Amino acid sequence: MTLEKNRSPRRPAGAKAGKAKGERPSSQTAAKPGLEARSAAAKILAAVVDRHVSLDGMLDAQNGNPAYRALSEQDRSLVRAMLNAALRHLPRIEAALQAMLDNPLPEGARALHHVLAIGAAQILYLDIPDHSAVDLAVEQAHSDPRNRRFAGLVNAVLRRFGRQKEDILANSHSVPAMPAWFFERLTQVYGADEALRIAEAQLTPAAIDLTVKSDAAGWAERLSGVVLPTGSVRLKPFDQPITALPGFEEGEWWVQDAAATLPARMFGNIRGLRVADLCAAPGGKTAQLSLAGAHVTALDQSASRLKRLKANLDRLHLKADLIEANMLEYRPEQVFDAVLLDAPCSSTGTTRRHPDVLYTKGPEDIDKLAALQARMLRHACDLVRPGGTIVFSNCSLDPKEGEDMVEALLAERPDITRLPMNHAAFPGLEEAISPEGAFRTTPAMLALSAGVASGLDGFYAVALRKG
């Protein structure tokens, strides 16, 4: 990474500092506008990276992180922007920090690391004045007894980020924008070039896709969107609540990533058939099955998630029989014509929407989830009649949770065969159909014209026939 030749003086990371310029007692700094938002962002970043806590839970308006809940809605929006920028670009931010420090930060300086990362994210990736990002990071250091002696270091490092912003950004592409453990897995599976494409693609926040009941072209025109090869309508950026858009109250559409619509479409004509959605909430796929004319039984083991599913179906004027049950323990009196198992997974295909996933999950989680999915898929096969169809899907990019597991099932169950998808039935999605006839989407697929976000969630989906 290119850095300016005349560096500002820096002391070793563990050295003691004198009183930095502008230092104030913490009782005075606490009221400085913007400080609480930056402090909340740094605390939440620490929880994600160091303790592997899900970001969604901490940003919940009712039950989330107390520091976040105490903020105004405007400051909450700022916190979300800082966290998303920091998590999306964290490997590159950390590489730049490492290049600027003569010595690594001490082992006990993780809080300081997160202050610097949030400050750097503002300077490099957000439309926030550099001086504001620097000054408030220095105030954060002053207000924390653990970091007070590093206030001068924070000031020097972040000012250099501001001065060298163009060079840092120009050279950042040499660092994959993913944690090393996952980028190495992608490289092994997809090859180096495709792994880099996926890593770059997941830096772009996902657009909002709608599944419409009918007349996709008409709704695209009405909502200033575009129709995708999946039949979804992808919206351009807009500045109002999704619930305020035409058609929401009338139940004409629902939010669902384009890739997530594929599993339900893989059944073909299911009108009049008995179909089970075995992990149904929040209900996008259940709605698709119901709209297609199936008699749908929707399972979920969470009562609160089923309540949300029912509310979604009520708004859409669609029906399904809802059952609160763990699908592994579910034994219906009559087996089904078809079952859909969209299984819980590592969610590594959703990093455009959830950039915390690669920090809250690790290789051991993928192994555990793959084992659970294998059990669930075996049971799903027992819930369908001979001649019936099973569609298995999840939003993981890792073949351990997809291709590898299905191959193992086919090897041990001669009564189960694969139903390859026909390219002609899915025009525009040919690149997403694997040689075996399964769907494998990635964030690097579906390149669209300027003004509309490209990409798809990473999904694996396969159709199986019970002999």
Protein backbone atom coordinates (compact mmCIF):
# COMPACT_ATOMS: atom_id res chain seq x y z
CA MET A 1 0.00 0.00 0.00
CA THR A 2 1.34 3.41 -0.98
CA LEU A 3 1.87 5.75 1.95
CA GLU A 4 3.29 9.26 2.02
CA LYS A 5 7.03 9.41 2.62
CA ASN A 6 7.11 12.00 5.39
CA ARG A 7 5.20 10.29 8.13
CA SER A 8 3.91 12.03 11.20
CA PRO A 9 5.80 11.05 14.32
CA ARG A 10 4.31 7.99 15.99
CA ARG A 11 5.12 6.33 19.22
CA PRO A 12 4.99 2.59 19.81
CA ALA A 13 1.51 1.28 20.35
CA GLY A 14 2.17 0.45 23.96
CA ALA A 15 3.90 3.70 24.90
CA LYS A 16 2.37 6.15 27.33
CA ALA A 17 1.15 9.46 25.99
CA GLY A 18 0.98 12.85 27.53
CA LYS A 19 -2.14 14.93 27.49
CA ALA A 20 -3.21 15.31 23.86
CA LYS A 21 -4.22 18.60 22.35
CA GLY A 22 -7.86 19.37 22.95
CA GLU A 23 -8.27 16.86 25.77
CA ARG A 24 -11.27 17.45 27.98
CA PRO A 25 -12.64 15.63 30.99
CA SER A 26 -15.06 12.88 29.98
CA SER A 27 -17.96 14.66 31.68
CA GLN A 28 -17.65 17.44 29.09
CA THR A 29 -17.10 15.22 26.05
CA ALA A 30 -20.16 13.06 26.64
CA ALA A 31 -22.54 15.77 25.40
CA LYS A 32 -20.65 16.55 22.18
CA PRO A 33 -23.02 16.04 19.21
CA GLY A 34 -22.35 12.81 17.38
CA LEU A 35 -20.20 11.25 20.10
CA GLU A 36 -22.89 8.89 21.38
CA ALA A 37 -23.51 7.59 17.85
CA ARG A 38 -19.80 6.91 17.26
CA SER A 39 -19.44 5.25 20.65
CA ALA A 40 -22.46 3.04 19.99
CA ALA A 41 -21.07 2.05 16.58
CA ALA A 42 -17.69 1.09 18.04
CA LYS A 43 -19.33 -0.97 20.82
CA ILE A 44 -21.57 -2.81 18.37
CA LEU A 45 -18.66 -3.44 15.98
CA ALA A 46 -16.76 -4.98 18.89
CA ALA A 47 -19.70 -7.26 19.70
CA VAL A 48 -19.91 -8.46 16.09
CA VAL A 49 -16.19 -8.99 15.46
CA ASP A 50 -14.98 -10.11 18.88
CA ARG A 51 -18.05 -11.85 20.33
CA HIS A 52 -19.77 -12.94 17.08
CA VAL A 53 -23.11 -11.33 17.98
CA SER A 54 -25.62 -10.88 15.15
CA LEU A 55 -25.95 -7.30 13.94
CA ASP A 56 -29.71 -7.53 13.33
CA GLY A 57 -30.40 -8.32 16.97
CA MET A 58 -28.35 -5.41 18.23
CA LEU A 59 -30.06 -2.98 15.85
CA ASP A 60 -33.55 -4.03 16.89
CA ALA A 61 -35.51 -0.93 17.89
CA GLN A 62 -37.21 -2.62 20.87
CA ASN A 63 -34.72 -5.17 22.18
CA GLY A 64 -31.40 -4.16 20.67
CA ASN A 65 -28.19 -2.73 22.09
CA PRO A 66 -29.04 -0.18 24.85
CA ALA A 67 -26.59 2.41 23.47
CA TYR A 68 -28.27 2.13 20.07
CA ARG A 69 -31.82 2.28 21.46
CA ALA A 70 -30.97 5.45 23.37
CA LEU A 71 -30.23 7.35 20.14
CA SER A 72 -32.52 9.46 17.98
CA GLU A 73 -33.70 7.90 14.72
CA GLN A 74 -31.31 10.15 12.81
CA ASP A 75 -28.36 8.93 14.88
CA ARG A 76 -29.52 5.32 14.55
CA SER A 77 -29.43 5.72 10.79
CA LEU A 78 -25.88 7.08 11.07
CA VAL A 79 -24.84 4.11 13.26
CA ARG A 80 -26.22 1.66 10.71
CA ALA A 81 -24.34 3.40 7.91
CA MET A 82 -21.06 3.37 9.85
CA LEU A 83 -21.39 -0.28 10.81
CA ASN A 84 -22.30 -1.41 7.30
CA ALA A 85 -19.36 0.50 5.82
CA ALA A 86 -16.93 -0.78 8.45
CA LEU A 87 -18.02 -4.42 8.15
CA ARG A 88 -18.11 -4.44 4.35
CA HIS A 89 -14.59 -3.03 4.09
CA LEU A 90 -13.03 -4.24 7.35
CA PRO A 91 -10.20 -6.32 5.81
CA ARG A 92 -9.12 -3.29 3.79
CA ILE A 93 -9.44 -0.91 6.72
CA GLU A 94 -7.35 -3.24 8.87
CA ALA A 95 -4.68 -3.57 6.17
CA ALA A 96 -4.42 0.22 5.96
CA LEU A 97 -4.22 0.52 9.75
CA GLN A 98 -1.49 -2.09 9.91
CA ALA A 99 0.53 -0.21 7.29
CA MET A 100 0.31 3.00 9.31
CA LEU A 101 1.35 1.61 12.68
CA ASP A 102 5.01 0.99 13.49
CA ASN A 103 3.93 -1.64 16.00
CA PRO A 104 0.67 -3.60 16.30
CA LEU A 105 -1.84 -2.37 18.85
CA PRO A 106 -1.49 -4.12 22.21
CA GLU A 107 -3.54 -7.26 22.81
CA GLY A 108 -5.74 -5.40 25.26
CA ALA A 109 -6.48 -2.53 22.87
CA ARG A 110 -9.40 -4.03 20.98
CA ALA A 111 -11.66 -1.14 21.99
CA LEU A 112 -9.13 1.25 20.44
CA HIS A 113 -9.03 -0.87 17.28
CA HIS A 114 -12.80 -0.50 16.84
CA VAL A 115 -12.67 3.27 17.41
CA LEU A 116 -10.07 3.51 14.63
CA ALA A 117 -12.06 1.23 12.32
CA ILE A 118 -15.24 3.28 12.70
CA GLY A 119 -13.29 6.49 12.14
CA ALA A 120 -11.57 5.09 9.05
CA ALA A 121 -14.87 3.83 7.62
CA GLN A 122 -16.30 7.34 7.83
CA ILE A 123 -13.29 8.91 6.13
CA LEU A 124 -12.94 6.34 3.35
CA TYR A 125 -16.48 5.25 2.57
CA LEU A 126 -19.07 7.71 3.91
CA ASP A 127 -20.01 11.26 3.06
CA ILE A 128 -18.90 12.59 6.44
CA PRO A 129 -16.37 15.45 6.81
CA ASP A 130 -12.93 14.09 7.69
CA HIS A 131 -12.44 16.59 10.51
CA SER A 132 -15.68 15.44 12.16
CA ALA A 133 -14.66 11.79 11.99
CA VAL A 134 -11.21 12.57 13.42
CA ASP A 135 -12.36 14.92 16.18
CA LEU A 136 -15.08 12.59 17.45
CA ALA A 137 -12.77 9.57 17.41
CA VAL A 138 -10.29 11.55 19.51
CA GLU A 139 -13.13 12.47 21.88
CA GLN A 140 -14.04 8.78 22.10
CA ALA A 141 -10.48 7.96 23.11
CA HIS A 142 -10.49 10.70 25.76
CA SER A 143 -13.78 9.48 27.23
CA ASP A 144 -12.57 5.88 27.67
CA PRO A 145 -9.95 5.33 30.41
CA ARG A 146 -8.61 2.36 28.43
CA ASN A 147 -7.91 4.50 25.38
CA ARG A 148 -7.14 7.93 26.83
CA ARG A 149 -3.39 7.51 26.51
CA PHE A 150 -3.82 6.71 22.80
CA ALA A 151 -5.77 9.87 21.91
CA GLY A 152 -2.76 11.37 20.15
CA LEU A 153 -2.27 8.18 18.15
CA VAL A 154 -5.94 8.20 17.08
CA ASN A 155 -5.59 11.81 15.96
CA ALA A 156 -2.40 11.15 13.95
CA VAL A 157 -3.57 7.95 12.28
CA LEU A 158 -6.99 9.18 11.23
CA ARG A 159 -5.60 12.48 9.94
CA ARG A 160 -3.29 10.43 7.74
CA PHE A 161 -6.29 8.46 6.51
CA GLY A 162 -7.79 11.78 5.41
CA ARG A 163 -4.60 13.00 3.71
CA GLN A 164 -3.97 9.68 1.96
CA LYS A 165 -7.56 8.74 1.18
CA GLU A 166 -7.08 8.55 -2.59
CA ASP A 167 -3.95 6.39 -2.34
CA ILE A 168 -5.55 4.06 0.22
CA LEU A 169 -8.65 3.55 -1.91
CA ALA A 170 -6.63 3.10 -5.11
CA ASN A 171 -4.52 0.38 -3.52
CA SER A 172 -7.26 -1.28 -1.49
CA HIS A 173 -8.23 -3.66 -4.29
CA SER A 174 -5.14 -5.72 -3.57
CA VAL A 175 -6.89 -6.83 -0.36
CA PRO A 176 -9.98 -9.07 -0.83
CA ALA A 177 -12.95 -7.51 0.93
CA MET A 178 -13.69 -10.64 2.95
CA PRO A 179 -12.17 -12.33 5.99
CA ALA A 180 -9.29 -14.56 4.87
CA TRP A 181 -10.92 -17.80 6.07
CA PHE A 182 -13.93 -17.36 3.80
CA PHE A 183 -12.10 -15.95 0.81
CA GLU A 184 -9.84 -19.01 0.86
CA ARG A 185 -12.92 -21.26 0.83
CA LEU A 186 -14.39 -19.34 -2.11
CA THR A 187 -11.13 -19.59 -4.01
CA GLN A 188 -11.00 -23.36 -3.54
CA VAL A 189 -14.56 -23.77 -4.79
CA TYR A 190 -14.99 -21.08 -7.45
CA GLY A 191 -11.40 -20.27 -8.47
CA ALA A 192 -9.44 -17.11 -7.74
CA ASP A 193 -11.03 -14.90 -10.40
CA GLU A 194 -14.62 -15.74 -9.50
CA ALA A 195 -13.87 -15.48 -5.79
CA LEU A 196 -12.62 -11.92 -6.37
CA ARG A 197 -15.76 -11.11 -8.38
CA ILE A 198 -17.96 -12.37 -5.56
CA ALA A 199 -15.96 -10.45 -2.94
CA GLU A 200 -16.30 -7.22 -4.91
CA ALA A 201 -19.98 -7.77 -5.70
CA GLN A 202 -20.96 -8.18 -2.05
CA LEU A 203 -19.66 -4.66 -1.35
CA THR A 204 -22.68 -3.22 -3.16
CA PRO A 205 -25.76 -3.12 -0.90
CA ALA A 206 -28.60 -5.22 -2.27
CA ALA A 207 -31.53 -3.58 -4.01
CA ILE A 208 -35.09 -4.32 -2.95
CA ASP A 209 -36.78 -6.98 -5.08
CA LEU A 210 -40.53 -7.52 -5.14
CA THR A 211 -42.43 -10.67 -6.01
CA VAL A 212 -45.66 -9.51 -7.65
CA LYS A 213 -48.88 -11.44 -7.95
CA SER A 214 -49.31 -10.52 -11.61
CA ASP A 215 -48.33 -8.00 -14.30
CA ALA A 216 -44.66 -7.58 -13.41
CA ALA A 217 -44.14 -5.15 -16.30
CA GLY A 218 -47.00 -2.97 -15.13
CA TRP A 219 -45.75 -2.85 -11.56
CA ALA A 220 -42.20 -2.15 -12.74
CA GLU A 221 -43.47 0.86 -14.67
CA ARG A 222 -45.60 2.06 -11.77
CA LEU A 223 -42.79 1.70 -9.23
CA SER A 224 -39.96 2.88 -11.54
CA GLY A 225 -38.31 -0.53 -11.36
CA VAL A 226 -37.13 -3.18 -13.80
CA VAL A 227 -38.33 -6.72 -14.43
CA LEU A 228 -35.68 -9.38 -13.72
CA PRO A 229 -35.33 -12.78 -15.42
CA THR A 230 -36.90 -14.33 -12.30
CA GLY A 231 -40.06 -12.28 -12.87
CA SER A 232 -39.25 -10.14 -9.83
CA VAL A 233 -39.39 -6.35 -9.92
CA ARG A 234 -36.18 -4.69 -8.78
CA LEU A 235 -36.60 -1.18 -7.40
CA LYS A 236 -34.27 1.73 -7.92
CA PRO A 237 -33.24 3.70 -4.81
CA PHE A 238 -36.18 5.46 -3.17
CA ASP A 239 -36.64 7.62 -0.09
CA GLN A 240 -39.92 6.51 1.47
CA PRO A 241 -40.99 3.58 3.63
CA ILE A 242 -41.62 0.39 1.70
CA THR A 243 -45.10 0.29 3.25
CA ALA A 244 -45.94 3.61 1.55
CA LEU A 245 -45.39 2.28 -1.98
CA PRO A 246 -48.41 1.62 -4.22
CA GLY A 247 -49.68 -1.91 -3.94
CA PHE A 248 -48.44 -2.66 -0.43
CA GLU A 249 -51.72 -2.16 1.41
CA GLU A 250 -53.61 -3.94 -1.35
CA GLY A 251 -51.33 -6.98 -1.03
CA GLU A 252 -50.19 -6.92 -4.65
CA TRP A 253 -46.56 -7.80 -3.90
CA TRP A 254 -44.08 -8.74 -1.20
CA VAL A 255 -40.36 -8.17 -0.65
CA GLN A 256 -38.23 -11.18 -1.63
CA ASP A 257 -34.76 -11.37 -3.13
CA ALA A 258 -34.90 -12.54 -6.72
CA ALA A 259 -32.74 -15.61 -5.99
CA ALA A 260 -35.08 -16.64 -3.18
CA THR A 261 -37.95 -16.98 -5.66
CA LEU A 262 -36.27 -19.82 -7.56
CA PRO A 263 -36.90 -22.78 -5.19
CA ALA A 264 -40.70 -22.48 -5.32
CA ARG A 265 -40.60 -22.18 -9.13
CA MET A 266 -38.62 -25.43 -9.43
CA PHE A 267 -41.72 -27.55 -8.68
CA GLY A 268 -43.39 -26.61 -11.95
CA ASN A 269 -47.19 -26.83 -11.98
CA ILE A 270 -48.40 -27.51 -8.43
CA ARG A 271 -52.02 -26.36 -8.76
CA GLY A 272 -54.19 -28.54 -6.54
CA LEU A 273 -51.27 -30.40 -4.97
CA ARG A 274 -50.59 -30.77 -1.26
CA VAL A 275 -47.29 -28.99 -0.61
CA ALA A 276 -45.44 -28.48 2.68
CA ASP A 277 -43.10 -25.56 3.33
CA LEU A 278 -41.05 -27.03 6.15
CA CYS A 279 -39.18 -23.92 7.39
CA ALA A 280 -41.71 -21.38 6.27
CA ALA A 281 -41.29 -18.06 8.10
CA PRO A 282 -41.25 -15.23 7.15
CA GLY A 283 -43.37 -16.63 4.33
CA GLY A 284 -42.16 -15.44 0.93
CA LYS A 285 -41.96 -18.97 -0.46
CA THR A 286 -45.20 -19.96 1.26
CA ALA A 287 -46.88 -17.07 -0.53
CA GLN A 288 -45.44 -18.22 -3.87
CA LEU A 289 -46.74 -21.76 -3.34
CA SER A 290 -50.18 -20.51 -2.34
CA LEU A 291 -50.34 -18.11 -5.27
CA ALA A 292 -49.47 -21.03 -7.59
CA GLY A 293 -52.61 -22.82 -6.43
CA ALA A 294 -51.18 -25.41 -4.04
CA HIS A 295 -52.80 -26.47 -0.78
CA VAL A 296 -49.97 -25.32 1.47
CA THR A 297 -49.00 -26.49 4.94
CA ALA A 298 -46.48 -24.09 6.45
CA LEU A 299 -44.33 -25.22 9.39
CA ASP A 300 -42.13 -23.21 11.69
CA GLN A 301 -40.98 -23.95 15.23
CA SER A 302 -41.24 -20.31 16.31
CA ALA A 303 -44.66 -19.02 17.36
CA SER A 304 -43.60 -15.41 16.87
CA ARG A 305 -42.31 -16.13 13.35
CA LEU A 306 -45.56 -17.90 12.49
CA LYS A 307 -47.47 -14.87 13.73
CA ARG A 308 -45.46 -12.70 11.36
CA LEU A 309 -46.06 -15.19 8.54
CA LYS A 310 -49.81 -15.11 9.14
CA ALA A 311 -49.79 -11.31 9.07
CA ASN A 312 -47.94 -11.39 5.74
CA LEU A 313 -50.37 -13.89 4.25
CA ASP A 314 -53.36 -11.89 5.49
CA ARG A 315 -52.04 -8.74 3.80
CA LEU A 316 -51.52 -10.71 0.58
CA HIS A 317 -54.98 -12.37 0.79
CA LEU A 318 -53.35 -15.80 0.53
CA LYS A 319 -53.96 -18.93 2.57
CA ALA A 320 -51.95 -21.73 4.17
CA ASP A 321 -52.39 -24.11 7.07
CA LEU A 322 -49.93 -22.98 9.74
CA ILE A 323 -48.36 -25.48 12.11
CA GLU A 324 -45.98 -24.71 14.96
CA ALA A 325 -43.56 -27.63 14.95
CA ASN A 326 -39.95 -28.67 14.69
CA MET A 327 -39.86 -30.25 11.24
CA LEU A 328 -37.50 -32.98 12.45
CA GLU A 329 -40.25 -34.14 14.79
CA TYR A 330 -43.14 -33.59 12.39
CA ARG A 331 -45.08 -36.75 11.48
CA PRO A 332 -48.20 -35.90 9.44
CA GLU A 333 -51.05 -38.39 9.08
CA GLN A 334 -50.71 -38.15 5.31
CA VAL A 335 -47.54 -37.51 3.33
CA PHE A 336 -47.39 -34.69 0.77
CA ASP A 337 -47.19 -34.45 -3.00
CA ALA A 338 -44.22 -32.11 -2.63
CA VAL A 339 -42.15 -30.49 0.09
CA LEU A 340 -39.94 -27.41 0.15
CA LEU A 341 -37.07 -27.33 2.63
CA ASP A 342 -35.37 -23.94 2.72
CA ALA A 343 -33.03 -24.95 5.50
CA PRO A 344 -31.29 -22.84 8.16
CA CYS A 345 -27.73 -22.22 7.03
CA SER A 346 -24.66 -20.03 7.45
CA SER A 347 -26.26 -17.31 5.25
CA THR A 348 -22.94 -16.59 3.56
CA GLY A 349 -24.81 -15.74 0.36
CA THR A 350 -26.53 -12.76 1.99
CA THR A 351 -23.52 -10.56 2.80
CA ARG A 352 -24.82 -7.77 0.54
CA ARG A 353 -27.61 -7.38 3.10
CA HIS A 354 -25.90 -8.78 6.19
CA PRO A 355 -22.19 -7.86 6.17
CA ASP A 356 -21.79 -9.18 9.71
CA VAL A 357 -22.33 -12.81 8.65
CA LEU A 358 -18.69 -13.54 7.85
CA TYR A 359 -17.70 -12.32 11.33
CA THR A 360 -20.45 -14.05 13.31
CA LYS A 361 -19.99 -17.40 11.50
CA GLY A 362 -16.90 -19.54 10.98
CA PRO A 363 -15.85 -22.87 9.45
CA GLU A 364 -17.10 -24.78 12.48
CA ASP A 365 -20.57 -23.24 12.05
CA ILE A 366 -20.70 -24.36 8.43
CA ASP A 367 -19.83 -27.91 9.47
CA LYS A 368 -22.51 -27.98 12.17
CA LEU A 369 -25.16 -26.47 9.94
CA ALA A 370 -24.35 -28.85 7.09
CA ALA A 371 -24.85 -31.81 9.46
CA LEU A 372 -28.20 -30.37 10.61
CA GLN A 373 -29.33 -29.77 7.03
CA ALA A 374 -28.46 -33.35 6.12
CA ARG A 375 -30.73 -34.63 8.90
CA MET A 376 -33.51 -32.28 7.83
CA LEU A 377 -33.25 -33.27 4.17
CA ARG A 378 -33.41 -36.98 5.00
CA HIS A 379 -36.55 -36.36 7.03
CA ALA A 380 -38.04 -34.18 4.29
CA CYS A 381 -37.67 -37.13 1.89
CA ASP A 382 -39.81 -39.21 4.24
CA LEU A 383 -42.60 -36.62 4.18
CA VAL A 384 -43.30 -36.91 0.45
CA ARG A 385 -45.15 -39.69 -1.40
CA PRO A 386 -43.47 -41.93 -3.96
CA GLY A 387 -43.26 -39.96 -7.20
CA GLY A 388 -43.33 -36.71 -5.25
CA THR A 389 -40.85 -33.83 -5.39
CA ILE A 390 -38.50 -32.39 -2.78
CA VAL A 391 -36.88 -28.99 -3.32
CA PHE A 392 -33.96 -28.25 -1.03
CA SER A 393 -32.47 -24.78 -0.83
CA ASN A 394 -30.46 -22.40 1.32
CA CYS A 395 -28.62 -19.09 1.06
CA SER A 396 -25.09 -20.39 1.57
CA LEU A 397 -22.23 -20.12 -0.93
CA ASP A 398 -20.43 -23.11 0.56
CA PRO A 399 -20.88 -26.49 -1.17
CA LYS A 400 -20.69 -28.27 2.19
CA GLU A 401 -24.19 -26.91 2.75
CA GLY A 402 -25.29 -27.72 -0.79
CA GLU A 403 -23.71 -29.83 -3.50
CA ASP A 404 -21.61 -32.02 -1.18
CA MET A 405 -24.52 -32.80 1.10
CA VAL A 406 -26.90 -33.64 -1.74
CA GLU A 407 -24.34 -35.93 -3.38
CA ALA A 408 -24.01 -37.79 -0.07
CA LEU A 409 -27.80 -38.19 0.12
CA LEU A 410 -28.04 -39.51 -3.45
CA ALA A 411 -25.28 -42.02 -2.70
CA GLU A 412 -27.14 -43.46 0.30
CA ARG A 413 -30.73 -43.22 -0.97
CA PRO A 414 -31.29 -45.06 -4.28
CA ASP A 415 -34.96 -44.06 -4.11
CA ILE A 416 -34.01 -40.37 -4.50
CA THR A 417 -32.94 -38.95 -7.87
CA ARG A 418 -32.12 -35.47 -9.09
CA LEU A 419 -34.49 -33.52 -11.35
CA PRO A 420 -32.26 -31.30 -13.51
CA MET A 421 -33.60 -27.87 -14.36
CA ASN A 422 -34.13 -27.05 -18.02
CA HIS A 423 -32.32 -23.92 -19.20
CA ALA A 424 -35.24 -23.12 -21.51
CA ALA A 425 -37.58 -22.84 -18.53
CA PHE A 426 -35.46 -20.12 -16.93
CA PRO A 427 -34.38 -17.70 -19.70
CA GLY A 428 -31.79 -15.18 -18.57
CA LEU A 429 -30.65 -17.40 -15.70
CA GLU A 430 -28.59 -19.90 -17.67
CA GLU A 431 -25.36 -19.03 -15.85
CA ALA A 432 -27.02 -19.90 -12.54
CA ILE A 433 -27.83 -23.49 -13.55
CA SER A 434 -25.03 -25.90 -12.72
CA PRO A 435 -24.00 -28.80 -15.00
CA GLU A 436 -25.98 -31.10 -12.67
CA GLY A 437 -29.12 -29.00 -13.17
CA ALA A 438 -29.23 -27.33 -9.76
CA PHE A 439 -29.31 -23.58 -9.15
CA ARG A 440 -26.17 -21.93 -7.81
CA THR A 441 -26.46 -18.14 -7.71
CA THR A 442 -23.82 -15.72 -6.42
CA PRO A 443 -23.71 -11.97 -5.72
CA ALA A 444 -21.57 -11.58 -8.86
CA MET A 445 -24.40 -12.67 -11.19
CA LEU A 446 -27.12 -10.67 -12.92
CA ALA A 447 -25.27 -7.59 -14.16
CA LEU A 448 -27.73 -4.77 -14.81
CA SER A 449 -27.56 -1.34 -16.40
CA ALA A 450 -26.52 1.80 -14.55
CA GLY A 451 -29.02 3.08 -12.00
CA VAL A 452 -30.14 -0.38 -10.93
CA ALA A 453 -28.12 -2.50 -8.49
CA SER A 454 -26.77 -5.74 -9.95
CA GLY A 455 -26.39 -9.05 -8.17
CA LEU A 456 -28.34 -11.78 -6.42
CA ASP A 457 -28.16 -13.40 -3.04
CA GLY A 458 -25.99 -16.51 -3.10
CA PHE A 459 -28.39 -19.49 -3.24
CA TYR A 460 -28.23 -23.21 -3.77
CA ALA A 461 -31.40 -25.03 -4.81
CA VAL A 462 -31.97 -28.53 -6.17
CA ALA A 463 -35.09 -30.52 -7.08
CA LEU A 464 -35.24 -34.20 -6.15
CA ARG A 465 -37.71 -36.96 -7.07
CA LYS A 466 -38.67 -39.77 -4.74
CA GLY A 467 -38.86 -42.99 -6.75
